[in-house]
Amino acid sequence: MRTPRLISLLALTLASLAGAQSVDPFTARGIDLVPTKYTPAMESGLALEGGELQLTRSYLLQALLDFNVGILVAKNGSQRIGDLLPFRADLHILGAYQLHPRVEVSADLPITIGQVNNFQILADQGFPVKAPNAAGLGAPRLMGRVQILKQSEFPIVGLAGVLEVRIPIGDTSSFLSDRGFVFAPRLAIERSIGPVRLLANVGWRLRTAPGRFINLYVGQEFTLGGGAIVELPSFGRFQNNQLLGELNLATPAEAPFTFTEAEALKSPFELLIGARTQFAGKWGAQLSIGKGLGDNGYGRETIRFSLALTYQHVPDPDDDGDGIPNRIDGCPDQPEDKDGIDDGDGCPDEREPDRDNDGVPDKLDACPDVLGLQEFDGCPDKDGDQIPDHVDKCPGQAGPPDLQGCPPPEEEEEVVLESERIRINNQILFEFGSDRIDPRSFKLLDEVAAVLTKNPDAGPVMIEGHTDNVGSREANISLSRRRAKAVENYLITKGIATRRLRSEGYGFDKPLSTNDTPLGRAKNRRTEFKLLDEIETKKNEPVTK
């Protein structure tokens, strides 16, 4: 009578199903006891994929250690007897590469470097079973992600389709791999709200061969997940700081969202919380801790901890694809012809006259005898206000384009709180083609912070980034978002609460002036501060927007 008692004793998961009696439940196995995997994808959560992708030719490499405690439990009724697999340590080598603006490929090579078993529990019941190996190869994963909708194109959500394939070449007898292929298609949904990115995944886990051990049966599963990523300000050498939290659930298709056969058809359910940062240029780290929710067992570990070392490369935008990034490309819309003559300037070597040798032919050069920049029609910008000298009324003094490059009068306030916006009477400058704020604009931003501090009821404030039309729409959307985010982070370092700030970039979708002239383009390169809610006046009366 030991066999029936043993089957009730082991709360592993999933009862034997019709048609499966020919499989020996003690030897079949083919179950990966850590079913929820960390994602190799870029711009994503811990196990959840994001709905937005990176720039083309971006890549991410990770070495991740994943420690799990209590992944297979034995019980007598409701009494816990012990852990059959009390500890497992996996090393994951993860990589992702952006092939195309809408296509990313990634992979995961899992290797179990240490696994502790307590199968003596079975032997003590009179059922000696071969114990799993202490180390071995898991099931490699291949994954593709395709952008369906971008928030810049469809402002409600970003949406991506994901297909994951797990290849059954790992150690199936040691609970490191499924017996057959696993196909896991899903949708990744993302919505950004200020510094918070909300993520959701919904999909299906299709197994070509179900796994089984004692009364644990793992077949087809629905998968659901939700979480958030909170962007934090940079400090010191720590950049791109994030806090992450998510819930991941997989429920058996045979009995979804039910506990009527919980001893057999368990639903992996897990909470993960983590943090990530970049601390040395492209090098970064990620920490996380997790816990299974509900009774311990398959997919509901006692505790989980991970540590990852990351290396991520995001190239500068290169709209013409000549290998020279826009920020140093003299002709960002024209590819370099690579003919051995001035191949580093990014411009094709036209045989037309160019007296000042600035890469702009004389017939197109508004300043043909003075070395200048292609973006400024071949003219210089001595005061660095991004208004070329030939249209700058004050070429020796920096000023906003609304004043044709001249500084505002000293008696005029540079920052004014109005009913629907915070008006700045100067331009926030950035390093050319970058999201790095020009130090000359720190004083102006300090005044914005002072106005917000003096008016605690103002806002929330939407920081809008806008660009001219030089370069592709995708590159300008990305640049304007990063610039707006840089302004938001700067204000946070000045004591403005994160809840009062939002940021978004619109590229060249909302021009104020023509993009056909240097002065018009300068007016379109701007940062605006919009008030999203009504503000309180000094008389405590609402101001109608």
Protein backbone atom coordinates (compact mmCIF):
# COMPACT_ATOMS: atom_id res chain seq x y z
CA MET A 1 0.00 0.00 0.00
CA ARG A 2 3.02 2.27 -0.16
CA THR A 3 2.43 3.43 -3.74
CA PRO A 4 -0.93 5.20 -3.14
CA ARG A 5 0.48 6.72 0.04
CA LEU A 6 3.54 7.97 -1.81
CA ILE A 7 1.47 9.57 -4.57
CA SER A 8 -0.57 11.49 -1.98
CA LEU A 9 2.61 12.27 -0.08
CA LEU A 10 4.38 14.08 -2.93
CA ALA A 11 2.82 17.47 -3.73
CA LEU A 12 4.93 17.91 -6.84
CA THR A 13 2.34 18.85 -9.52
CA LEU A 14 -0.06 17.40 -12.09
CA ALA A 15 -1.85 14.10 -12.09
CA SER A 16 -1.48 11.41 -14.70
CA LEU A 17 -3.78 12.11 -17.64
CA ALA A 18 -5.69 9.83 -19.97
CA GLY A 19 -3.45 8.38 -22.63
CA ALA A 20 -0.30 8.82 -20.55
CA GLN A 21 -0.39 5.53 -18.65
CA SER A 22 2.35 4.08 -20.85
CA VAL A 23 4.86 6.60 -19.47
CA ASP A 24 6.69 5.51 -16.34
CA PRO A 25 6.10 8.43 -13.97
CA PHE A 26 9.31 7.68 -12.08
CA THR A 27 11.59 7.83 -15.10
CA ALA A 28 9.94 10.14 -17.63
CA ARG A 29 10.75 13.48 -16.02
CA GLY A 30 11.52 16.05 -18.76
CA ILE A 31 10.45 18.97 -16.58
CA ASP A 32 12.43 22.18 -16.10
CA LEU A 33 11.76 23.00 -12.47
CA VAL A 34 12.60 26.71 -13.02
CA PRO A 35 10.01 27.47 -15.71
CA THR A 36 10.08 31.29 -15.42
CA LYS A 37 13.28 32.50 -17.09
CA TYR A 38 14.96 35.89 -17.10
CA THR A 39 14.55 37.56 -20.48
CA PRO A 40 17.55 38.16 -22.75
CA ALA A 41 15.73 41.02 -24.54
CA MET A 42 16.79 44.66 -24.40
CA GLU A 43 14.59 47.46 -23.03
CA SER A 44 12.66 44.88 -20.99
CA GLY A 45 11.87 43.79 -17.47
CA LEU A 46 13.29 40.88 -15.48
CA ALA A 47 11.29 38.05 -17.06
CA LEU A 48 8.88 40.23 -19.04
CA GLU A 49 9.61 41.55 -22.53
CA GLY A 50 8.96 45.21 -23.30
CA GLY A 51 6.85 46.50 -26.17
CA GLU A 52 9.50 48.98 -27.40
CA LEU A 53 12.78 48.06 -29.14
CA GLN A 54 16.24 49.61 -29.30
CA LEU A 55 18.10 51.28 -32.17
CA THR A 56 19.41 49.11 -35.00
CA ARG A 57 22.81 47.49 -34.28
CA SER A 58 22.30 47.76 -30.52
CA TYR A 59 23.32 44.68 -28.57
CA LEU A 60 23.27 43.40 -24.99
CA LEU A 61 25.38 40.66 -23.39
CA GLN A 62 24.72 39.25 -19.91
CA ALA A 63 26.20 36.69 -17.56
CA LEU A 64 23.49 35.93 -15.01
CA LEU A 65 23.62 33.70 -11.92
CA ASP A 66 20.21 32.43 -10.82
CA PHE A 67 19.88 30.80 -7.38
CA ASN A 68 16.66 28.96 -6.45
CA VAL A 69 15.79 27.44 -3.08
CA GLY A 70 13.03 24.86 -2.65
CA ILE A 71 11.89 24.00 -6.18
CA LEU A 72 10.46 20.50 -5.54
CA VAL A 73 8.62 19.73 -2.30
CA ALA A 74 7.37 16.54 -0.61
CA LYS A 75 4.31 16.66 1.65
CA ASN A 76 2.18 14.26 3.66
CA GLY A 77 -1.25 15.81 3.25
CA SER A 78 -0.72 19.42 4.29
CA GLN A 79 2.44 18.62 6.27
CA ARG A 80 5.71 19.43 4.57
CA ILE A 81 8.20 16.55 4.81
CA GLY A 82 11.11 18.14 3.00
CA ASP A 83 12.59 19.41 -0.24
CA LEU A 84 13.48 16.86 -2.89
CA LEU A 85 15.53 19.59 -4.62
CA PRO A 86 16.41 22.13 -1.95
CA PHE A 87 18.84 24.22 -4.05
CA ARG A 88 19.82 24.92 -7.64
CA ALA A 89 22.28 27.40 -9.15
CA ASP A 90 22.12 28.20 -12.88
CA LEU A 91 24.46 30.26 -15.03
CA HIS A 92 22.80 31.93 -18.02
CA ILE A 93 24.77 33.38 -20.92
CA LEU A 94 22.34 35.81 -22.56
CA GLY A 95 22.62 37.95 -25.67
CA ALA A 96 20.40 40.18 -27.81
CA TYR A 97 20.96 42.03 -31.08
CA GLN A 98 18.78 44.58 -32.90
CA LEU A 99 18.78 43.49 -36.55
CA HIS A 100 16.33 46.10 -37.82
CA PRO A 101 14.35 48.98 -36.28
CA ARG A 102 11.51 46.50 -35.75
CA VAL A 103 13.30 43.16 -35.31
CA GLU A 104 15.40 41.88 -32.38
CA VAL A 105 16.90 38.41 -31.95
CA SER A 106 18.19 37.00 -28.67
CA ALA A 107 19.32 33.76 -27.06
CA ASP A 108 19.97 32.13 -23.68
CA LEU A 109 22.40 29.31 -22.92
CA PRO A 110 21.53 27.88 -19.45
CA ILE A 111 24.02 25.76 -17.52
CA THR A 112 23.24 24.32 -14.10
CA ILE A 113 26.47 24.64 -12.10
CA GLY A 114 25.16 23.19 -8.87
CA GLN A 115 22.10 21.25 -7.76
CA VAL A 116 21.45 19.61 -4.38
CA ASN A 117 18.97 16.74 -4.09
CA ASN A 118 17.33 14.90 -1.23
CA PHE A 119 15.92 11.87 -3.06
CA GLN A 120 16.60 9.80 0.04
CA ILE A 121 13.04 10.81 0.96
CA LEU A 122 11.80 8.49 -1.80
CA ALA A 123 14.16 5.70 -0.81
CA ASP A 124 12.93 5.92 2.77
CA GLN A 125 9.45 5.18 1.45
CA GLY A 126 10.71 2.08 -0.31
CA PHE A 127 10.98 3.64 -3.77
CA PRO A 128 14.62 4.17 -4.68
CA VAL A 129 14.75 6.50 -7.67
CA LYS A 130 17.80 7.61 -9.57
CA ALA A 131 18.83 11.00 -8.24
CA PRO A 132 19.36 13.91 -10.66
CA ASN A 133 22.84 15.03 -11.62
CA ALA A 134 24.44 17.86 -9.70
CA ALA A 135 25.24 19.84 -12.87
CA GLY A 136 24.38 19.85 -16.55
CA LEU A 137 23.11 21.67 -19.59
CA GLY A 138 19.62 23.15 -19.69
CA ALA A 139 17.45 23.83 -22.74
CA PRO A 140 18.90 26.66 -24.86
CA ARG A 141 16.39 29.34 -25.77
CA LEU A 142 16.09 31.28 -29.03
CA MET A 143 13.84 34.30 -29.19
CA GLY A 144 12.67 36.82 -31.77
CA ARG A 145 10.79 40.04 -31.05
CA VAL A 146 8.99 42.10 -33.72
CA GLN A 147 7.70 45.63 -33.21
CA ILE A 148 4.01 45.89 -34.15
CA LEU A 149 3.17 49.33 -32.77
CA LYS A 150 5.38 52.09 -31.40
CA GLN A 151 4.15 54.63 -28.89
CA SER A 152 5.62 57.33 -31.12
CA GLU A 153 3.26 56.16 -33.90
CA PHE A 154 0.32 54.95 -31.80
CA PRO A 155 0.35 56.96 -28.58
CA ILE A 156 -1.66 54.52 -26.48
CA VAL A 157 0.77 51.59 -26.18
CA GLY A 158 3.84 49.98 -27.67
CA LEU A 159 3.19 46.45 -28.87
CA ALA A 160 5.58 43.67 -29.89
CA GLY A 161 5.17 40.04 -30.87
CA VAL A 162 7.53 37.53 -29.27
CA LEU A 163 8.31 33.94 -30.22
CA GLU A 164 10.49 31.86 -27.90
CA VAL A 165 11.70 28.34 -28.67
CA ARG A 166 13.32 26.07 -26.06
CA ILE A 167 15.50 23.36 -27.61
CA PRO A 168 15.42 19.99 -25.73
CA ILE A 169 19.13 19.12 -25.75
CA GLY A 170 19.58 19.56 -21.99
CA ASP A 171 19.55 17.02 -19.21
CA THR A 172 15.90 15.91 -19.08
CA SER A 173 16.45 13.34 -16.32
CA SER A 174 17.81 15.98 -13.94
CA PHE A 175 14.92 18.45 -14.25
CA LEU A 176 17.01 20.85 -16.35
CA SER A 177 15.08 20.62 -19.64
CA ASP A 178 11.74 19.67 -21.12
CA ARG A 179 11.51 16.40 -23.09
CA GLY A 180 10.37 18.08 -26.30
CA PHE A 181 10.47 21.47 -27.96
CA VAL A 182 8.69 24.30 -26.18
CA PHE A 183 7.15 27.05 -28.31
CA ALA A 184 6.12 30.15 -26.40
CA PRO A 185 4.47 32.87 -28.52
CA ARG A 186 3.26 35.96 -26.67
CA LEU A 187 2.39 39.62 -26.97
CA ALA A 188 4.42 42.25 -25.12
CA ILE A 189 2.53 45.44 -24.26
CA GLU A 190 4.11 48.62 -22.91
CA ARG A 191 2.81 51.99 -21.76
CA SER A 192 5.04 54.84 -20.54
CA ILE A 193 3.68 57.29 -17.98
CA GLY A 194 6.35 59.79 -17.01
CA PRO A 195 9.23 57.92 -15.36
CA VAL A 196 7.20 54.68 -15.13
CA ARG A 197 7.00 52.02 -17.86
CA LEU A 198 4.16 49.54 -17.44
CA LEU A 199 4.70 46.10 -19.02
CA ALA A 200 2.34 43.22 -19.68
CA ASN A 201 2.86 39.87 -21.43
CA VAL A 202 0.19 37.35 -22.45
CA GLY A 203 0.83 34.14 -24.33
CA TRP A 204 0.91 30.34 -24.56
CA ARG A 205 3.53 27.73 -23.73
CA LEU A 206 3.16 24.79 -26.15
CA ARG A 207 5.09 21.60 -25.32
CA THR A 208 5.54 18.94 -27.97
CA ALA A 209 6.13 16.37 -25.23
CA PRO A 210 4.72 16.88 -21.73
CA GLY A 211 6.89 16.24 -18.70
CA ARG A 212 6.01 13.94 -15.84
CA PHE A 213 7.38 12.82 -12.51
CA ILE A 214 5.29 10.84 -9.96
CA ASN A 215 2.05 12.86 -10.06
CA LEU A 216 3.62 15.96 -11.56
CA TYR A 217 2.42 16.53 -15.13
CA VAL A 218 3.47 19.63 -17.08
CA GLY A 219 1.80 20.20 -20.44
CA GLN A 220 0.31 23.22 -22.20
CA GLU A 221 0.11 26.47 -20.26
CA PHE A 222 -1.34 29.95 -20.58
CA THR A 223 1.16 32.60 -19.51
CA LEU A 224 0.42 36.01 -18.03
CA GLY A 225 2.64 38.66 -16.55
CA GLY A 226 2.53 42.28 -15.47
CA GLY A 227 5.02 44.68 -14.00
CA ALA A 228 6.60 48.12 -13.94
CA ILE A 229 9.98 49.74 -14.50
CA VAL A 230 10.65 53.00 -12.64
CA GLU A 231 13.38 55.23 -14.06
CA LEU A 232 15.54 56.80 -11.33
CA PRO A 233 17.86 59.81 -11.51
CA SER A 234 21.55 59.23 -12.19
CA PHE A 235 24.00 59.82 -9.37
CA GLY A 236 27.76 59.77 -9.52
CA ARG A 237 28.99 57.06 -11.81
CA PHE A 238 25.66 55.20 -11.68
CA GLN A 239 23.61 55.94 -14.80
CA ASN A 240 20.33 54.61 -16.28
CA ASN A 241 19.15 53.46 -12.87
CA GLN A 242 15.92 51.47 -12.66
CA LEU A 243 13.71 49.72 -10.12
CA LEU A 244 11.71 46.75 -11.44
CA GLY A 245 8.83 44.68 -10.13
CA GLU A 246 6.67 42.05 -11.79
CA LEU A 247 4.31 39.11 -11.31
CA ASN A 248 4.50 36.08 -13.61
CA LEU A 249 1.87 33.33 -13.83
CA ALA A 250 1.60 30.17 -15.93
CA THR A 251 -1.59 28.17 -15.59
CA PRO A 252 -2.26 24.71 -17.08
CA ALA A 253 -4.55 24.64 -20.11
CA GLU A 254 -6.22 21.47 -18.78
CA ALA A 255 -7.61 23.40 -15.78
CA PRO A 256 -6.81 27.10 -16.00
CA PHE A 257 -7.15 29.30 -12.93
CA THR A 258 -8.44 26.55 -10.73
CA PHE A 259 -7.12 24.76 -7.66
CA THR A 260 -9.45 21.78 -7.84
CA GLU A 261 -6.47 19.59 -8.75
CA ALA A 262 -3.81 21.70 -7.12
CA GLU A 263 -1.79 18.67 -6.08
CA ALA A 264 -1.42 17.77 -9.76
CA LEU A 265 -2.09 20.84 -11.88
CA LYS A 266 -0.10 23.56 -10.19
CA SER A 267 0.25 27.06 -11.63
CA PRO A 268 3.75 28.56 -11.42
CA PHE A 269 3.24 31.95 -9.77
CA GLU A 270 6.11 34.24 -8.85
CA LEU A 271 6.94 37.75 -7.66
CA LEU A 272 10.22 39.32 -8.81
CA ILE A 273 11.72 42.62 -7.60
CA GLY A 274 15.01 44.00 -8.87
CA ALA A 275 17.26 46.93 -9.70
CA ARG A 276 19.68 47.65 -12.53
CA THR A 277 22.27 50.28 -13.32
CA GLN A 278 25.20 51.16 -15.56
CA PHE A 279 28.30 52.03 -13.58
CA ALA A 280 31.23 52.05 -16.04
CA GLY A 281 30.17 53.27 -19.47
CA LYS A 282 28.56 50.31 -21.20
CA TRP A 283 29.06 47.98 -18.22
CA GLY A 284 26.23 47.46 -15.78
CA ALA A 285 24.70 45.16 -13.20
CA GLN A 286 21.31 43.77 -12.27
CA LEU A 287 20.12 42.36 -8.93
CA SER A 288 16.81 40.69 -8.20
CA ILE A 289 15.03 38.70 -5.54
CA GLY A 290 11.93 36.58 -6.04
CA LYS A 291 9.49 34.30 -4.27
CA GLY A 292 6.87 31.82 -5.37
CA LEU A 293 3.35 32.71 -4.29
CA GLY A 294 1.18 30.02 -2.74
CA ASP A 295 2.25 26.52 -1.69
CA ASN A 296 5.86 25.75 -2.54
CA GLY A 297 6.59 23.38 -5.38
CA TYR A 298 6.88 23.49 -9.13
CA GLY A 299 7.24 27.12 -10.25
CA ARG A 300 6.79 28.39 -6.69
CA GLU A 301 10.23 28.40 -5.15
CA THR A 302 10.85 29.29 -1.51
CA ILE A 303 13.22 32.09 -2.46
CA ARG A 304 15.08 33.18 -5.59
CA PHE A 305 18.06 35.45 -6.04
CA SER A 306 19.92 36.57 -9.15
CA LEU A 307 22.96 38.66 -10.01
CA ALA A 308 23.93 39.70 -13.55
CA LEU A 309 26.85 41.51 -15.15
CA THR A 310 25.79 43.30 -18.34
CA TYR A 311 27.42 44.99 -21.32
CA GLN A 312 25.18 47.04 -23.59
CA HIS A 313 26.04 48.97 -26.73
CA VAL A 314 23.58 51.46 -28.22
CA PRO A 315 25.00 53.11 -31.34
CA ASP A 316 24.64 56.77 -32.13
CA PRO A 317 21.97 57.37 -34.78
CA ASP A 318 23.35 57.03 -38.33
CA ASP A 319 20.51 57.95 -40.66
CA ASP A 320 22.41 57.55 -43.94
CA GLY A 321 23.96 54.22 -42.90
CA ASP A 322 27.53 55.15 -43.83
CA GLY A 323 28.97 54.10 -40.46
CA ILE A 324 29.56 57.68 -39.35
CA PRO A 325 27.14 58.75 -36.57
CA ASN A 326 24.99 61.82 -37.08
CA ARG A 327 26.76 63.82 -34.39
CA ILE A 328 30.03 63.88 -36.40
CA ASP A 329 28.57 63.33 -39.88
CA GLY A 330 28.86 66.46 -42.01
CA CYS A 331 26.10 65.13 -44.27
CA PRO A 332 23.80 62.96 -42.08
CA ASP A 333 21.34 62.48 -44.95
CA GLN A 334 23.95 61.62 -47.58
CA PRO A 335 26.22 58.55 -47.25
CA GLU A 336 29.98 58.95 -47.49
CA ASP A 337 31.23 57.64 -50.87
CA LYS A 338 34.38 55.95 -49.39
CA ASP A 339 36.61 56.98 -52.29
CA GLY A 340 39.73 57.62 -50.23
CA ILE A 341 39.23 61.39 -50.16
CA ASP A 342 38.05 62.87 -46.82
CA ASP A 343 36.22 59.64 -45.99
CA GLY A 344 35.84 60.64 -42.35
CA ASP A 345 33.66 63.70 -42.89
CA GLY A 346 30.55 61.70 -43.79
CA CYS A 347 29.94 63.56 -47.04
CA PRO A 348 30.24 62.34 -50.61
CA ASP A 349 33.12 64.07 -52.34
CA GLU A 350 31.39 66.21 -54.88
CA ARG A 351 33.65 67.78 -57.45
CA GLU A 352 31.91 71.12 -57.12
CA PRO A 353 33.87 74.10 -55.66
CA ASP A 354 34.08 74.31 -51.86
CA ARG A 355 36.37 77.26 -51.07
CA ASP A 356 36.27 76.92 -47.28
CA ASN A 357 36.57 73.11 -47.43
CA ASP A 358 33.75 72.57 -44.93
CA GLY A 359 32.03 69.86 -46.97
CA VAL A 360 29.26 72.18 -48.20
CA PRO A 361 29.57 73.10 -51.92
CA ASP A 362 29.81 76.82 -52.58
CA LYS A 363 26.49 76.88 -54.41
CA LEU A 364 24.78 75.59 -51.22
CA ASP A 365 27.05 77.38 -48.72
CA ALA A 366 25.54 80.52 -47.19
CA CYS A 367 29.05 81.38 -45.92
CA PRO A 368 31.30 80.03 -48.72
CA ASP A 369 34.48 81.69 -47.41
CA VAL A 370 34.08 80.76 -43.72
CA LEU A 371 34.40 77.26 -42.32
CA GLY A 372 31.00 76.12 -41.01
CA LEU A 373 28.68 73.20 -40.43
CA GLN A 374 26.39 71.43 -42.87
CA GLU A 375 23.46 71.76 -40.44
CA PHE A 376 23.92 75.56 -40.52
CA ASP A 377 24.10 75.80 -44.32
CA GLY A 378 27.88 75.99 -44.13
CA CYS A 379 28.05 78.86 -41.62
CA PRO A 380 29.75 78.94 -38.20
CA ASP A 381 28.11 79.51 -34.79
CA LYS A 382 30.64 81.42 -32.70
CA ASP A 383 28.50 81.83 -29.57
CA GLY A 384 27.28 78.21 -29.62
CA ASP A 385 23.59 79.03 -29.35
CA GLN A 386 22.89 76.80 -32.38
CA ILE A 387 21.87 79.80 -34.50
CA PRO A 388 24.34 80.27 -37.38
CA ASP A 389 26.16 83.59 -37.47
CA HIS A 390 24.72 84.77 -40.79
CA VAL A 391 21.20 84.91 -39.29
CA ASP A 392 22.27 85.63 -35.69
CA LYS A 393 21.70 89.27 -34.77
CA CYS A 394 24.11 88.87 -31.86
CA PRO A 395 26.75 86.37 -33.09
CA GLY A 396 28.97 87.05 -30.09
CA GLN A 397 26.28 86.50 -27.43
CA ALA A 398 24.14 83.42 -26.97
CA GLY A 399 20.40 83.95 -27.18
CA PRO A 400 17.15 82.21 -28.11
CA PRO A 401 15.92 81.98 -31.71
CA ASP A 402 12.78 83.98 -30.85
CA LEU A 403 15.11 86.96 -30.31
CA GLN A 404 17.17 86.04 -33.39
CA GLY A 405 20.09 84.93 -31.26
CA CYS A 406 20.27 87.92 -28.90
CA PRO A 407 20.09 87.52 -25.10
CA PRO A 408 16.85 88.54 -23.36
CA PRO A 409 16.78 92.00 -21.71
CA GLU A 410 18.22 91.90 -18.20
CA GLU A 411 15.01 93.24 -16.65
CA GLU A 412 12.92 90.42 -18.17
CA GLU A 413 12.39 87.28 -16.12
CA GLU A 414 13.73 84.19 -17.88
CA VAL A 415 11.16 81.84 -16.31
CA VAL A 416 7.48 82.81 -15.95
CA LEU A 417 4.68 80.66 -14.53
CA GLU A 418 1.55 80.99 -16.66
CA SER A 419 -1.85 79.31 -16.52
CA GLU A 420 -1.02 76.49 -18.93
CA ARG A 421 2.74 76.42 -19.06
CA ILE A 422 6.05 77.51 -17.62
CA ARG A 423 7.38 79.96 -20.20
CA ILE A 424 11.15 80.19 -20.59
CA ASN A 425 12.55 83.22 -22.38
CA ASN A 426 15.69 81.44 -23.47
CA GLN A 427 16.68 78.18 -25.12
CA ILE A 428 17.79 75.03 -23.28
CA LEU A 429 20.92 73.98 -25.13
CA PHE A 430 22.29 70.46 -25.57
CA GLU A 431 25.55 69.22 -26.95
CA PHE A 432 25.15 68.81 -30.69
CA GLY A 433 23.31 65.58 -31.59
CA SER A 434 23.33 64.50 -27.92
CA ASP A 435 21.06 64.46 -24.87
CA ARG A 436 23.80 65.94 -22.67
CA ILE A 437 22.67 69.34 -21.36
CA ASP A 438 25.02 72.23 -22.17
CA PRO A 439 26.30 73.60 -18.81
CA ARG A 440 25.30 77.10 -19.93
CA SER A 441 21.66 76.01 -19.52
CA PHE A 442 22.05 74.89 -15.90
CA LYS A 443 21.21 78.37 -14.59
CA LEU A 444 18.00 78.47 -16.64
CA LEU A 445 16.95 75.03 -15.39
CA ASP A 446 17.78 76.06 -11.82
CA GLU A 447 15.29 78.92 -12.23
CA VAL A 448 12.66 76.46 -13.51
CA ALA A 449 13.27 74.35 -10.41
CA ALA A 450 12.98 77.46 -8.21
CA VAL A 451 9.61 78.38 -9.76
CA LEU A 452 8.31 74.83 -9.17
CA THR A 453 9.58 74.90 -5.59
CA LYS A 454 7.82 78.21 -4.91
CA ASN A 455 4.61 76.91 -6.49
CA PRO A 456 4.07 73.40 -5.04
CA ASP A 457 0.53 73.20 -6.50
CA ALA A 458 1.70 73.76 -10.07
CA GLY A 459 1.65 70.75 -12.29
CA PRO A 460 2.26 67.96 -12.92
CA VAL A 461 4.58 69.35 -15.58
CA MET A 462 4.99 67.69 -18.96
CA ILE A 463 8.50 68.32 -20.32
CA GLU A 464 8.28 68.20 -24.11
CA GLY A 465 11.28 67.72 -26.35
CA HIS A 466 11.17 68.90 -29.98
CA THR A 467 13.69 68.78 -32.84
CA ASP A 468 14.13 70.05 -36.37
CA ASN A 469 13.72 67.72 -39.36
CA VAL A 470 17.40 66.90 -39.92
CA GLY A 471 17.63 63.09 -39.83
CA SER A 472 15.01 60.37 -39.73
CA ARG A 473 11.81 60.58 -37.73
CA GLU A 474 12.80 57.59 -35.58
CA ALA A 475 16.16 59.15 -34.67
CA ASN A 476 14.57 62.50 -33.83
CA ILE A 477 11.83 60.92 -31.70
CA SER A 478 14.53 59.05 -29.75
CA LEU A 479 16.72 62.15 -29.38
CA SER A 480 13.84 64.38 -28.26
CA ARG A 481 12.71 61.80 -25.69
CA ARG A 482 16.20 61.46 -24.29
CA ARG A 483 16.61 65.22 -24.09
CA ALA A 484 13.29 65.67 -22.32
CA LYS A 485 14.24 62.86 -19.93
CA ALA A 486 17.60 64.53 -19.23
CA VAL A 487 15.78 67.75 -18.26
CA GLU A 488 13.40 65.76 -16.04
CA ASN A 489 16.32 64.04 -14.29
CA TYR A 490 18.08 67.36 -13.79
CA LEU A 491 15.02 68.88 -12.09
CA ILE A 492 14.71 65.81 -9.86
CA THR A 493 18.32 66.35 -8.68
CA LYS A 494 17.23 69.88 -7.71
CA GLY A 495 14.61 68.53 -5.34
CA ILE A 496 11.51 68.46 -7.56
CA ALA A 497 9.38 65.43 -6.70
CA THR A 498 9.25 62.75 -9.38
CA ARG A 499 5.43 62.65 -9.19
CA ARG A 500 5.29 66.24 -10.42
CA LEU A 501 7.21 65.58 -13.62
CA ARG A 502 6.52 63.82 -16.92
CA SER A 503 8.57 63.80 -20.11
CA GLU A 504 7.93 62.98 -23.75
CA GLY A 505 9.61 63.61 -27.09
CA TYR A 506 7.85 64.49 -30.33
CA GLY A 507 10.76 64.77 -32.76
CA PHE A 508 9.81 67.11 -35.60
CA ASP A 509 6.08 66.30 -35.48
CA LYS A 510 5.12 69.68 -33.89
CA PRO A 511 7.16 72.42 -35.57
CA LEU A 512 6.74 76.08 -34.60
CA SER A 513 8.37 77.39 -37.74
CA THR A 514 9.62 76.28 -41.14
CA ASN A 515 12.42 73.76 -41.31
CA ASP A 516 13.65 75.28 -44.56
CA THR A 517 15.84 77.92 -42.90
CA PRO A 518 18.53 77.71 -40.18
CA LEU A 519 16.61 80.15 -37.96
CA GLY A 520 13.38 78.20 -38.41
CA ARG A 521 15.12 74.95 -37.51
CA ALA A 522 16.62 76.63 -34.43
CA LYS A 523 13.11 77.65 -33.30
CA ASN A 524 11.91 74.08 -33.72
CA ARG A 525 14.73 72.69 -31.55
CA ARG A 526 13.17 73.48 -28.20
CA THR A 527 12.10 72.26 -24.78
CA GLU A 528 8.67 73.23 -23.45
CA PHE A 529 7.04 72.89 -20.03
CA LYS A 530 3.27 72.28 -20.12
CA LEU A 531 1.06 72.21 -17.00
CA LEU A 532 -1.19 69.15 -17.09
CA ASP A 533 -3.50 70.15 -14.21
CA GLU A 534 -5.06 73.36 -12.95
CA ILE A 535 -2.85 75.45 -10.67
CA GLU A 536 -3.78 77.38 -7.55
CA THR A 537 -3.37 81.17 -7.67
CA LYS A 538 -2.32 83.21 -4.67
CA LYS A 539 -6.02 83.75 -3.93
CA ASN A 540 -6.51 79.99 -3.90
CA GLU A 541 -8.74 80.18 -6.99
CA PRO A 542 -8.39 77.76 -9.90
CA VAL A 543 -7.14 79.14 -13.17
CA THR A 544 -9.07 77.80 -16.15
CA LYS A 545 -6.87 76.24 -18.80
